[in-house]
């Protein structure tokens, strides 16, 4: 059985959401760079992991919500 070379909708949606989520997160971090008090409630060792959850969650939700591309 030959496989098609198309990219599934789920992969496209998850990739686009990861890009948008990461770009948005980086933009927010650049905006608050001079005001470290906005992130000071988190310990320094934990903040990278917590901040990484934002694009990860966006990617998961978009991949879950996108329709599966049927295979023939």
C-alpha atoms as a PDB file:
ATOM      1  CA  UNK A   1       0.000   0.000   0.000  1.00  0.00           C
ATOM      2  CA  UNK A   2       1.500   3.310  -1.070  1.00  0.00           C
ATOM      3  CA  UNK A   3       1.487   6.098   1.457  1.00  0.00           C
ATOM      4  CA  UNK A   4       0.578   9.588   0.395  1.00  0.00           C
ATOM      5  CA  UNK A   5       3.119  12.344   0.815  1.00  0.00           C
ATOM      6  CA  UNK A   6       0.650  14.864   2.254  1.00  0.00           C
ATOM      7  CA  UNK A   7       1.053  16.329   5.695  1.00  0.00           C
ATOM      8  CA  UNK A   8      -1.837  15.645   8.047  1.00  0.00           C
ATOM      9  CA  UNK A   9      -4.008  18.500   9.267  1.00  0.00           C
ATOM     10  CA  UNK A  10      -3.102  17.686  12.865  1.00  0.00           C
ATOM     11  CA  UNK A  11       0.602  18.103  12.168  1.00  0.00           C
ATOM     12  CA  UNK A  12       0.054  21.404  10.352  1.00  0.00           C
ATOM     13  CA  UNK A  13      -2.157  22.754  13.136  1.00  0.00           C
ATOM     14  CA  UNK A  14       0.201  21.669  15.907  1.00  0.00           C
ATOM     15  CA  UNK A  15       3.248  23.090  14.106  1.00  0.00           C
ATOM     16  CA  UNK A  16       1.550  26.426  13.450  1.00  0.00           C
ATOM     17  CA  UNK A  17       0.337  26.628  17.050  1.00  0.00           C
ATOM     18  CA  UNK A  18       3.807  25.852  18.391  1.00  0.00           C
ATOM     19  CA  UNK A  19       5.269  28.639  16.264  1.00  0.00           C
ATOM     20  CA  UNK A  20       2.601  31.166  17.251  1.00  0.00           C
ATOM     21  CA  UNK A  21       2.739  30.154  20.914  1.00  0.00           C
ATOM     22  CA  UNK A  22       6.522  30.350  21.079  1.00  0.00           C
ATOM     23  CA  UNK A  23       6.589  33.668  19.231  1.00  0.00           C
ATOM     24  CA  UNK A  24       3.943  35.092  21.548  1.00  0.00           C
ATOM     25  CA  UNK A  25       5.794  33.863  24.613  1.00  0.00           C
ATOM     26  CA  UNK A  26       9.059  35.376  23.413  1.00  0.00           C
ATOM     27  CA  UNK A  27       7.280  38.660  22.675  1.00  0.00           C
ATOM     28  CA  UNK A  28       5.812  38.718  26.182  1.00  0.00           C
ATOM     29  CA  UNK A  29       9.197  37.976  27.720  1.00  0.00           C
ATOM     30  CA  UNK A  30      10.791  40.766  25.677  1.00  0.00           C
ATOM     31  CA  UNK A  31       8.076  43.149  26.841  1.00  0.00           C
ATOM     32  CA  UNK A  32       8.589  42.336  30.534  1.00  0.00           C
ATOM     33  CA  UNK A  33      12.361  42.102  30.341  1.00  0.00           C
ATOM     34  CA  UNK A  34      12.811  45.416  32.139  1.00  0.00           C
ATOM     35  CA  UNK A  35      10.248  44.484  34.795  1.00  0.00           C
ATOM     36  CA  UNK A  36      11.442  41.221  36.335  1.00  0.00           C
ATOM     37  CA  UNK A  37       8.833  41.483  39.105  1.00  0.00           C
ATOM     38  CA  UNK A  38       6.241  39.995  36.740  1.00  0.00           C
ATOM     39  CA  UNK A  39       8.073  36.652  36.796  1.00  0.00           C
ATOM     40  CA  UNK A  40       9.531  36.904  40.294  1.00  0.00           C
ATOM     41  CA  UNK A  41       6.786  34.796  41.901  1.00  0.00           C
ATOM     42  CA  UNK A  42       8.424  31.698  40.370  1.00  0.00           C
ATOM     43  CA  UNK A  43      11.763  30.302  41.527  1.00  0.00           C
ATOM     44  CA  UNK A  44      14.519  30.776  38.937  1.00  0.00           C
ATOM     45  CA  UNK A  45      15.036  27.029  38.531  1.00  0.00           C
ATOM     46  CA  UNK A  46      11.332  26.403  37.849  1.00  0.00           C
ATOM     47  CA  UNK A  47      10.418  29.314  35.572  1.00  0.00           C
ATOM     48  CA  UNK A  48      11.839  27.877  32.295  1.00  0.00           C
ATOM     49  CA  UNK A  49       9.772  24.719  32.756  1.00  0.00           C
ATOM     50  CA  UNK A  50       6.602  26.626  33.616  1.00  0.00           C
ATOM     51  CA  UNK A  51       7.069  29.018  30.696  1.00  0.00           C
ATOM     52  CA  UNK A  52       7.631  26.082  28.333  1.00  0.00           C
ATOM     53  CA  UNK A  53       4.174  24.758  29.264  1.00  0.00           C
ATOM     54  CA  UNK A  54       2.461  27.648  27.449  1.00  0.00           C
ATOM     55  CA  UNK A  55       3.410  26.713  23.847  1.00  0.00           C
ATOM     56  CA  UNK A  56       3.233  23.025  24.768  1.00  0.00           C
ATOM     57  CA  UNK A  57      -0.360  23.410  25.914  1.00  0.00           C
ATOM     58  CA  UNK A  58      -1.290  25.429  22.829  1.00  0.00           C
ATOM     59  CA  UNK A  59       0.260  22.761  20.612  1.00  0.00           C
ATOM     60  CA  UNK A  60      -1.510  19.924  22.416  1.00  0.00           C
ATOM     61  CA  UNK A  61      -4.919  21.595  22.245  1.00  0.00           C
ATOM     62  CA  UNK A  62      -4.566  22.490  18.558  1.00  0.00           C
ATOM     63  CA  UNK A  63      -3.436  18.959  17.672  1.00  0.00           C
ATOM     64  CA  UNK A  64      -6.287  17.472  19.667  1.00  0.00           C
ATOM     65  CA  UNK A  65      -8.901  19.781  18.131  1.00  0.00           C
ATOM     66  CA  UNK A  66      -7.782  19.398  14.501  1.00  0.00           C
ATOM     67  CA  UNK A  67      -9.487  16.738  12.447  1.00  0.00           C
ATOM     68  CA  UNK A  68      -7.607  13.611  11.475  1.00  0.00           C
ATOM     69  CA  UNK A  69      -6.763  13.262   7.801  1.00  0.00           C
ATOM     70  CA  UNK A  70      -8.196   9.929   6.629  1.00  0.00           C
ATOM     71  CA  UNK A  71      -5.758   7.570   4.968  1.00  0.00           C
ATOM     72  CA  UNK A  72      -6.761   5.681   1.876  1.00  0.00           C
END
